[in-house]
Amino acid sequence: MTRPIQIAATLQAPLLRLAKVRAALARWSERLPGSRREPDLDGRSLVIAVVRDGQGRPLVTTTLTGPDPYEMTGSLLAWAAVQAAAPDAVLKPGAHGPVAAFGPDTLRLGAAEAGVHEVREVSASPPPLIAARASSWRRGAEMDATGDCLRFP
């Protein structure tokens, strides 16, 4: 798969130097869904991760919530850049995932700084639920007034 991509990139490079081609691509990309997407101050992120064994049985599940996906991504990238540029940073050369680069404890602190936190378990008597914004959450999702307890119908 790498070779076809390399060939396509080589063939398209001269085309992308042409102002008319770049202008046409810019006009076309403006019509794509989400092309004018901006951070939503009321938006939230929801991340559900499931670790499964070799037979596909769930072993561990965690749920995280945080700010609008754009804000969360920007905050996490800025935090990582500051960490990597710190004078005492010890990073091996090469590409690293966030856990390998910073370790789980430091990454957890960085995520908290970015407004990402683990969703607490829903108690037997959860607080009254309010409907979440359909544009920011999966349709039909609900959360409590603090934004901590989630459930899906």
N, C-alpha and C. Protein backbone atom coordinates (compact mmCIF):
# COMPACT_ATOMS: atom_id res chain seq x y z
N MET A 1 0.82 -1.19 0.00
CA MET A 1 0.00 0.00 0.00
C MET A 1 0.87 1.26 0.00
N THR A 2 2.05 1.18 0.55
CA THR A 2 2.92 2.35 0.61
C THR A 2 3.34 2.80 -0.77
N ARG A 3 3.68 1.87 -1.64
CA ARG A 3 4.15 2.20 -2.99
C ARG A 3 3.10 2.96 -3.80
N PRO A 4 1.82 2.52 -3.83
CA PRO A 4 0.81 3.29 -4.57
C PRO A 4 0.64 4.72 -4.03
N ILE A 5 0.73 4.87 -2.73
CA ILE A 5 0.62 6.21 -2.15
C ILE A 5 1.80 7.07 -2.57
N GLN A 6 2.97 6.48 -2.57
CA GLN A 6 4.17 7.21 -2.99
C GLN A 6 4.04 7.66 -4.46
N ILE A 7 3.55 6.78 -5.31
CA ILE A 7 3.37 7.11 -6.74
C ILE A 7 2.33 8.22 -6.89
N ALA A 8 1.21 8.11 -6.18
CA ALA A 8 0.17 9.14 -6.27
C ALA A 8 0.70 10.49 -5.80
N ALA A 9 1.48 10.51 -4.73
CA ALA A 9 2.05 11.76 -4.24
C ALA A 9 3.01 12.36 -5.25
N THR A 10 3.80 11.53 -5.90
CA THR A 10 4.74 12.01 -6.91
C THR A 10 4.01 12.61 -8.10
N LEU A 11 2.91 11.98 -8.50
CA LEU A 11 2.15 12.47 -9.65
C LEU A 11 1.36 13.75 -9.33
N GLN A 12 0.88 13.87 -8.10
CA GLN A 12 0.06 15.03 -7.78
C GLN A 12 0.89 16.27 -7.43
N ALA A 13 2.13 16.10 -7.03
CA ALA A 13 2.97 17.23 -6.63
C ALA A 13 3.03 18.32 -7.68
N PRO A 14 3.30 18.00 -8.95
CA PRO A 14 3.33 19.08 -9.96
C PRO A 14 1.98 19.78 -10.12
N LEU A 15 0.90 19.02 -10.01
CA LEU A 15 -0.43 19.62 -10.14
C LEU A 15 -0.71 20.62 -9.02
N LEU A 16 -0.28 20.28 -7.81
CA LEU A 16 -0.56 21.16 -6.68
C LEU A 16 0.25 22.45 -6.71
N ARG A 17 1.23 22.53 -7.61
CA ARG A 17 1.97 23.78 -7.77
C ARG A 17 1.20 24.80 -8.60
N LEU A 18 0.18 24.34 -9.29
CA LEU A 18 -0.62 25.21 -10.15
C LEU A 18 -1.68 25.95 -9.32
N ALA A 19 -1.71 27.28 -9.45
CA ALA A 19 -2.64 28.10 -8.67
C ALA A 19 -4.10 27.72 -8.94
N LYS A 20 -4.44 27.40 -10.19
CA LYS A 20 -5.82 27.05 -10.52
C LYS A 20 -6.25 25.74 -9.84
N VAL A 21 -5.34 24.79 -9.77
CA VAL A 21 -5.65 23.51 -9.12
C VAL A 21 -5.84 23.74 -7.62
N ARG A 22 -4.95 24.52 -7.01
CA ARG A 22 -5.08 24.80 -5.57
C ARG A 22 -6.39 25.54 -5.28
N ALA A 23 -6.75 26.51 -6.14
CA ALA A 23 -7.99 27.26 -5.94
C ALA A 23 -9.21 26.34 -6.08
N ALA A 24 -9.19 25.45 -7.06
CA ALA A 24 -10.30 24.51 -7.25
C ALA A 24 -10.42 23.58 -6.04
N LEU A 25 -9.31 23.08 -5.52
CA LEU A 25 -9.34 22.22 -4.34
C LEU A 25 -9.87 22.97 -3.12
N ALA A 26 -9.48 24.25 -2.98
CA ALA A 26 -9.97 25.05 -1.86
C ALA A 26 -11.49 25.23 -1.96
N ARG A 27 -12.00 25.53 -3.16
CA ARG A 27 -13.45 25.68 -3.34
C ARG A 27 -14.16 24.36 -3.04
N TRP A 28 -13.62 23.27 -3.53
CA TRP A 28 -14.23 21.96 -3.31
C TRP A 28 -14.23 21.60 -1.82
N SER A 29 -13.13 21.86 -1.13
CA SER A 29 -13.04 21.49 0.28
C SER A 29 -13.98 22.30 1.15
N GLU A 30 -14.33 23.53 0.73
CA GLU A 30 -15.27 24.34 1.50
C GLU A 30 -16.67 23.74 1.50
N ARG A 31 -16.97 22.89 0.53
CA ARG A 31 -18.30 22.26 0.47
C ARG A 31 -18.38 20.96 1.26
N LEU A 32 -17.27 20.49 1.78
CA LEU A 32 -17.28 19.25 2.54
C LEU A 32 -17.95 19.45 3.89
N PRO A 33 -18.65 18.43 4.37
CA PRO A 33 -19.29 18.54 5.70
C PRO A 33 -18.22 18.82 6.75
N GLY A 34 -18.54 19.75 7.64
CA GLY A 34 -17.61 20.06 8.73
C GLY A 34 -16.50 21.00 8.37
N SER A 35 -16.48 21.52 7.14
CA SER A 35 -15.37 22.36 6.72
C SER A 35 -15.34 23.69 7.48
N ARG A 36 -16.45 24.10 8.00
CA ARG A 36 -16.51 25.35 8.75
C ARG A 36 -16.67 25.08 10.25
N ARG A 37 -16.27 23.92 10.67
CA ARG A 37 -16.41 23.52 12.08
C ARG A 37 -15.51 24.36 12.96
N GLU A 38 -16.07 24.83 14.05
CA GLU A 38 -15.32 25.59 15.04
C GLU A 38 -15.60 24.99 16.40
N PRO A 39 -14.72 25.23 17.37
CA PRO A 39 -14.98 24.71 18.71
C PRO A 39 -16.33 25.17 19.24
N ASP A 40 -16.99 24.30 19.95
CA ASP A 40 -18.29 24.56 20.55
C ASP A 40 -18.07 24.71 22.05
N LEU A 41 -18.24 25.93 22.56
CA LEU A 41 -17.97 26.18 23.98
C LEU A 41 -18.82 25.32 24.90
N ASP A 42 -20.00 24.92 24.44
CA ASP A 42 -20.87 24.07 25.24
C ASP A 42 -20.67 22.59 24.93
N GLY A 43 -19.82 22.29 23.96
CA GLY A 43 -19.62 20.90 23.53
C GLY A 43 -18.81 20.11 24.53
N ARG A 44 -18.90 18.81 24.44
CA ARG A 44 -18.16 17.91 25.32
C ARG A 44 -17.64 16.74 24.49
N SER A 45 -16.61 16.10 24.99
CA SER A 45 -16.08 14.89 24.38
C SER A 45 -16.45 13.71 25.26
N LEU A 46 -16.67 12.59 24.65
CA LEU A 46 -16.91 11.35 25.37
C LEU A 46 -16.06 10.28 24.74
N VAL A 47 -15.22 9.64 25.55
CA VAL A 47 -14.34 8.57 25.07
C VAL A 47 -14.63 7.33 25.89
N ILE A 48 -14.96 6.25 25.21
CA ILE A 48 -15.20 4.97 25.89
C ILE A 48 -14.19 3.99 25.33
N ALA A 49 -13.36 3.44 26.22
CA ALA A 49 -12.32 2.49 25.80
C ALA A 49 -12.59 1.13 26.45
N VAL A 50 -12.50 0.08 25.65
CA VAL A 50 -12.73 -1.28 26.13
C VAL A 50 -11.51 -2.12 25.77
N VAL A 51 -10.91 -2.77 26.77
CA VAL A 51 -9.82 -3.70 26.54
C VAL A 51 -10.43 -5.09 26.50
N ARG A 52 -10.11 -5.84 25.46
CA ARG A 52 -10.69 -7.18 25.29
C ARG A 52 -9.60 -8.24 25.26
N ASP A 53 -9.96 -9.45 25.66
CA ASP A 53 -9.01 -10.56 25.58
C ASP A 53 -9.00 -11.13 24.16
N GLY A 54 -8.22 -12.18 23.95
CA GLY A 54 -8.08 -12.78 22.63
C GLY A 54 -9.38 -13.30 22.04
N GLN A 55 -10.36 -13.62 22.87
CA GLN A 55 -11.65 -14.12 22.39
C GLN A 55 -12.68 -13.00 22.24
N GLY A 56 -12.25 -11.75 22.49
CA GLY A 56 -13.15 -10.62 22.33
C GLY A 56 -13.97 -10.28 23.56
N ARG A 57 -13.72 -10.97 24.68
CA ARG A 57 -14.46 -10.68 25.91
C ARG A 57 -13.90 -9.42 26.56
N PRO A 58 -14.78 -8.49 27.01
CA PRO A 58 -14.29 -7.27 27.65
C PRO A 58 -13.59 -7.58 28.97
N LEU A 59 -12.42 -6.99 29.18
CA LEU A 59 -11.68 -7.13 30.42
C LEU A 59 -11.81 -5.88 31.29
N VAL A 60 -11.61 -4.73 30.67
CA VAL A 60 -11.65 -3.46 31.38
C VAL A 60 -12.32 -2.43 30.47
N THR A 61 -13.16 -1.60 31.06
CA THR A 61 -13.78 -0.50 30.33
C THR A 61 -13.56 0.77 31.13
N THR A 62 -13.25 1.84 30.45
CA THR A 62 -13.15 3.15 31.10
C THR A 62 -13.85 4.18 30.22
N THR A 63 -14.39 5.18 30.86
CA THR A 63 -15.08 6.23 30.16
C THR A 63 -14.49 7.57 30.61
N LEU A 64 -14.14 8.40 29.64
CA LEU A 64 -13.59 9.71 29.91
C LEU A 64 -14.49 10.77 29.30
N THR A 65 -14.53 11.92 29.92
CA THR A 65 -15.26 13.06 29.37
C THR A 65 -14.36 14.28 29.42
N GLY A 66 -14.59 15.20 28.53
CA GLY A 66 -13.76 16.39 28.48
C GLY A 66 -14.41 17.48 27.66
N PRO A 67 -13.66 18.53 27.36
CA PRO A 67 -14.21 19.64 26.60
C PRO A 67 -14.46 19.27 25.15
N ASP A 68 -14.94 20.22 24.38
CA ASP A 68 -15.14 20.07 22.94
C ASP A 68 -13.93 19.37 22.33
N PRO A 69 -14.13 18.45 21.38
CA PRO A 69 -12.99 17.70 20.81
C PRO A 69 -11.86 18.58 20.28
N TYR A 70 -12.19 19.71 19.65
CA TYR A 70 -11.14 20.59 19.14
C TYR A 70 -10.35 21.21 20.29
N GLU A 71 -11.06 21.68 21.29
CA GLU A 71 -10.39 22.28 22.46
C GLU A 71 -9.54 21.24 23.17
N MET A 72 -10.08 20.03 23.34
CA MET A 72 -9.35 18.97 24.03
C MET A 72 -8.08 18.61 23.27
N THR A 73 -8.18 18.44 21.96
CA THR A 73 -7.01 18.09 21.15
C THR A 73 -5.95 19.18 21.24
N GLY A 74 -6.37 20.43 21.08
CA GLY A 74 -5.43 21.54 21.15
C GLY A 74 -4.75 21.62 22.51
N SER A 75 -5.52 21.45 23.57
CA SER A 75 -4.96 21.51 24.92
C SER A 75 -3.97 20.38 25.17
N LEU A 76 -4.32 19.18 24.72
CA LEU A 76 -3.42 18.04 24.91
C LEU A 76 -2.13 18.19 24.10
N LEU A 77 -2.25 18.68 22.86
CA LEU A 77 -1.05 18.89 22.05
C LEU A 77 -0.16 19.98 22.65
N ALA A 78 -0.77 21.06 23.13
CA ALA A 78 0.02 22.13 23.75
C ALA A 78 0.72 21.62 25.01
N TRP A 79 0.00 20.86 25.82
CA TRP A 79 0.59 20.30 27.03
C TRP A 79 1.77 19.39 26.67
N ALA A 80 1.57 18.52 25.68
CA ALA A 80 2.64 17.59 25.27
C ALA A 80 3.85 18.34 24.75
N ALA A 81 3.63 19.42 24.00
CA ALA A 81 4.75 20.20 23.47
C ALA A 81 5.55 20.83 24.60
N VAL A 82 4.85 21.36 25.60
CA VAL A 82 5.55 21.96 26.76
C VAL A 82 6.34 20.88 27.49
N GLN A 83 5.75 19.72 27.69
CA GLN A 83 6.44 18.62 28.38
C GLN A 83 7.68 18.18 27.60
N ALA A 84 7.54 18.03 26.30
CA ALA A 84 8.65 17.55 25.47
C ALA A 84 9.77 18.58 25.39
N ALA A 85 9.43 19.87 25.49
CA ALA A 85 10.44 20.93 25.38
C ALA A 85 11.07 21.29 26.72
N ALA A 86 10.58 20.71 27.80
CA ALA A 86 11.13 21.02 29.12
C ALA A 86 12.61 20.63 29.19
N PRO A 87 13.43 21.43 29.88
CA PRO A 87 14.86 21.14 29.95
C PRO A 87 15.19 19.75 30.52
N ASP A 88 14.34 19.27 31.42
CA ASP A 88 14.61 17.97 32.04
C ASP A 88 13.90 16.82 31.33
N ALA A 89 13.29 17.07 30.18
CA ALA A 89 12.59 16.02 29.44
C ALA A 89 13.58 14.97 28.94
N VAL A 90 13.20 13.72 29.12
CA VAL A 90 14.04 12.61 28.66
C VAL A 90 13.23 11.81 27.65
N LEU A 91 13.36 12.17 26.38
CA LEU A 91 12.66 11.46 25.32
C LEU A 91 13.66 10.80 24.41
N LYS A 92 13.42 9.54 24.11
CA LYS A 92 14.27 8.84 23.17
C LYS A 92 13.93 9.32 21.76
N PRO A 93 14.88 9.33 20.85
CA PRO A 93 14.59 9.75 19.46
C PRO A 93 13.52 8.86 18.84
N GLY A 94 12.75 9.44 17.95
CA GLY A 94 11.72 8.68 17.23
C GLY A 94 10.33 9.10 17.61
N ALA A 95 9.37 8.45 17.01
CA ALA A 95 7.95 8.74 17.28
C ALA A 95 7.48 7.91 18.46
N HIS A 96 6.68 8.52 19.30
CA HIS A 96 6.17 7.85 20.49
C HIS A 96 4.68 8.13 20.65
N GLY A 97 3.97 7.18 21.16
CA GLY A 97 2.60 7.42 21.59
C GLY A 97 2.66 8.18 22.91
N PRO A 98 1.54 8.73 23.35
CA PRO A 98 1.57 9.54 24.57
C PRO A 98 2.00 8.78 25.82
N VAL A 99 1.58 7.53 25.98
CA VAL A 99 1.96 6.77 27.17
C VAL A 99 3.45 6.46 27.15
N ALA A 100 3.98 6.06 26.00
CA ALA A 100 5.41 5.77 25.90
C ALA A 100 6.25 7.03 26.10
N ALA A 101 5.76 8.17 25.63
CA ALA A 101 6.53 9.41 25.73
C ALA A 101 6.55 9.97 27.15
N PHE A 102 5.42 9.95 27.83
CA PHE A 102 5.32 10.64 29.11
C PHE A 102 5.04 9.74 30.30
N GLY A 103 4.61 8.51 30.06
CA GLY A 103 4.23 7.62 31.15
C GLY A 103 2.78 7.85 31.55
N PRO A 104 2.14 6.82 32.07
CA PRO A 104 0.70 6.93 32.36
C PRO A 104 0.38 7.96 33.44
N ASP A 105 1.19 8.09 34.48
CA ASP A 105 0.88 9.03 35.56
C ASP A 105 0.99 10.48 35.10
N THR A 106 2.06 10.79 34.38
CA THR A 106 2.24 12.16 33.87
C THR A 106 1.17 12.47 32.83
N LEU A 107 0.85 11.52 31.99
CA LEU A 107 -0.19 11.72 30.98
C LEU A 107 -1.54 11.97 31.64
N ARG A 108 -1.82 11.24 32.71
CA ARG A 108 -3.08 11.43 33.44
C ARG A 108 -3.17 12.87 33.98
N LEU A 109 -2.05 13.40 34.49
CA LEU A 109 -2.03 14.78 34.97
C LEU A 109 -2.25 15.77 33.83
N GLY A 110 -1.62 15.51 32.69
CA GLY A 110 -1.80 16.37 31.52
C GLY A 110 -3.23 16.35 31.02
N ALA A 111 -3.83 15.18 31.02
CA ALA A 111 -5.23 15.08 30.59
C ALA A 111 -6.14 15.86 31.54
N ALA A 112 -5.85 15.78 32.84
CA ALA A 112 -6.65 16.53 33.81
C ALA A 112 -6.50 18.04 33.58
N GLU A 113 -5.29 18.49 33.26
CA GLU A 113 -5.07 19.91 32.95
C GLU A 113 -5.88 20.33 31.72
N ALA A 114 -6.07 19.42 30.79
CA ALA A 114 -6.83 19.71 29.57
C ALA A 114 -8.33 19.57 29.79
N GLY A 115 -8.75 19.22 31.01
CA GLY A 115 -10.17 19.10 31.31
C GLY A 115 -10.74 17.72 31.08
N VAL A 116 -9.88 16.72 30.88
CA VAL A 116 -10.34 15.36 30.65
C VAL A 116 -10.33 14.62 31.99
N HIS A 117 -11.43 13.97 32.31
CA HIS A 117 -11.46 13.20 33.55
C HIS A 117 -12.31 11.94 33.38
N GLU A 118 -12.04 11.00 34.26
CA GLU A 118 -12.75 9.73 34.21
C GLU A 118 -14.16 9.92 34.73
N VAL A 119 -15.11 9.29 34.05
CA VAL A 119 -16.50 9.36 34.47
C VAL A 119 -16.67 8.44 35.66
N ARG A 120 -17.26 8.97 36.71
CA ARG A 120 -17.51 8.16 37.91
C ARG A 120 -18.68 7.23 37.67
N GLU A 121 -18.70 6.16 38.40
CA GLU A 121 -19.79 5.19 38.28
C GLU A 121 -21.11 5.84 38.67
N VAL A 122 -22.18 5.43 38.02
CA VAL A 122 -23.51 5.90 38.36
C VAL A 122 -23.95 5.19 39.62
N SER A 123 -24.37 5.96 40.63
CA SER A 123 -24.80 5.36 41.89
C SER A 123 -26.18 4.75 41.73
N ALA A 124 -26.64 4.04 42.78
CA ALA A 124 -27.95 3.41 42.73
C ALA A 124 -29.05 4.46 42.58
N SER A 125 -28.83 5.65 43.14
CA SER A 125 -29.80 6.74 43.02
C SER A 125 -29.12 7.91 42.33
N PRO A 126 -28.97 7.86 41.02
CA PRO A 126 -28.27 8.93 40.33
C PRO A 126 -29.02 10.25 40.43
N PRO A 127 -28.29 11.36 40.35
CA PRO A 127 -28.96 12.66 40.34
C PRO A 127 -29.87 12.77 39.13
N PRO A 128 -30.80 13.71 39.13
CA PRO A 128 -31.68 13.85 37.97
C PRO A 128 -30.86 14.04 36.70
N LEU A 129 -31.26 13.36 35.65
CA LEU A 129 -30.53 13.44 34.39
C LEU A 129 -31.11 14.52 33.50
N ILE A 130 -30.23 15.17 32.78
CA ILE A 130 -30.66 16.15 31.80
C ILE A 130 -30.19 15.70 30.44
N ALA A 131 -30.93 16.02 29.42
CA ALA A 131 -30.54 15.61 28.06
C ALA A 131 -29.32 16.41 27.63
N ALA A 132 -28.35 15.74 27.05
CA ALA A 132 -27.15 16.42 26.55
C ALA A 132 -27.42 16.94 25.15
N ARG A 133 -26.63 17.88 24.73
CA ARG A 133 -26.77 18.45 23.39
C ARG A 133 -26.49 17.38 22.35
N ALA A 134 -27.43 17.18 21.44
CA ALA A 134 -27.27 16.13 20.43
C ALA A 134 -26.09 16.40 19.51
N SER A 135 -25.72 17.68 19.33
CA SER A 135 -24.61 17.98 18.43
C SER A 135 -23.26 17.60 19.03
N SER A 136 -23.18 17.49 20.35
CA SER A 136 -21.90 17.21 20.99
C SER A 136 -21.81 15.80 21.54
N TRP A 137 -22.92 15.17 21.81
CA TRP A 137 -22.93 13.81 22.33
C TRP A 137 -23.65 12.91 21.34
N ARG A 138 -23.44 11.63 21.51
CA ARG A 138 -24.18 10.67 20.70
C ARG A 138 -25.68 10.90 20.93
N ARG A 139 -26.47 10.88 19.88
CA ARG A 139 -27.90 11.12 20.00
C ARG A 139 -28.50 10.18 21.05
N GLY A 140 -29.25 10.75 21.99
CA GLY A 140 -29.90 9.96 23.01
C GLY A 140 -29.09 9.82 24.29
N ALA A 141 -27.84 10.30 24.31
CA ALA A 141 -27.03 10.20 25.52
C ALA A 141 -27.55 11.18 26.56
N GLU A 142 -27.36 10.84 27.81
CA GLU A 142 -27.77 11.72 28.88
C GLU A 142 -26.63 11.83 29.89
N MET A 143 -26.63 12.94 30.64
CA MET A 143 -25.64 13.12 31.68
C MET A 143 -26.30 13.82 32.85
N ASP A 144 -25.67 13.72 34.04
CA ASP A 144 -26.27 14.41 35.18
C ASP A 144 -25.89 15.88 35.12
N ALA A 145 -26.40 16.65 36.07
CA ALA A 145 -26.20 18.09 36.04
C ALA A 145 -24.73 18.49 36.18
N THR A 146 -23.90 17.63 36.75
CA THR A 146 -22.47 17.94 36.87
C THR A 146 -21.70 17.50 35.65
N GLY A 147 -22.34 16.73 34.77
CA GLY A 147 -21.65 16.26 33.57
C GLY A 147 -20.84 15.01 33.83
N ASP A 148 -21.00 14.37 34.98
CA ASP A 148 -20.17 13.24 35.33
C ASP A 148 -20.82 11.89 35.03
N CYS A 149 -22.08 11.72 35.26
CA CYS A 149 -22.72 10.41 35.11
C CYS A 149 -23.38 10.32 33.75
N LEU A 150 -23.04 9.32 33.01
CA LEU A 150 -23.57 9.15 31.67
C LEU A 150 -24.34 7.86 31.57
N ARG A 151 -25.33 7.85 30.70
CA ARG A 151 -26.01 6.60 30.36
C ARG A 151 -26.55 6.74 28.96
N PHE A 152 -26.71 5.61 28.31
CA PHE A 152 -27.27 5.58 26.97
C PHE A 152 -28.53 4.77 27.00
N PRO A 153 -29.59 5.29 26.39
CA PRO A 153 -30.87 4.55 26.40
C PRO A 153 -30.76 3.25 25.64
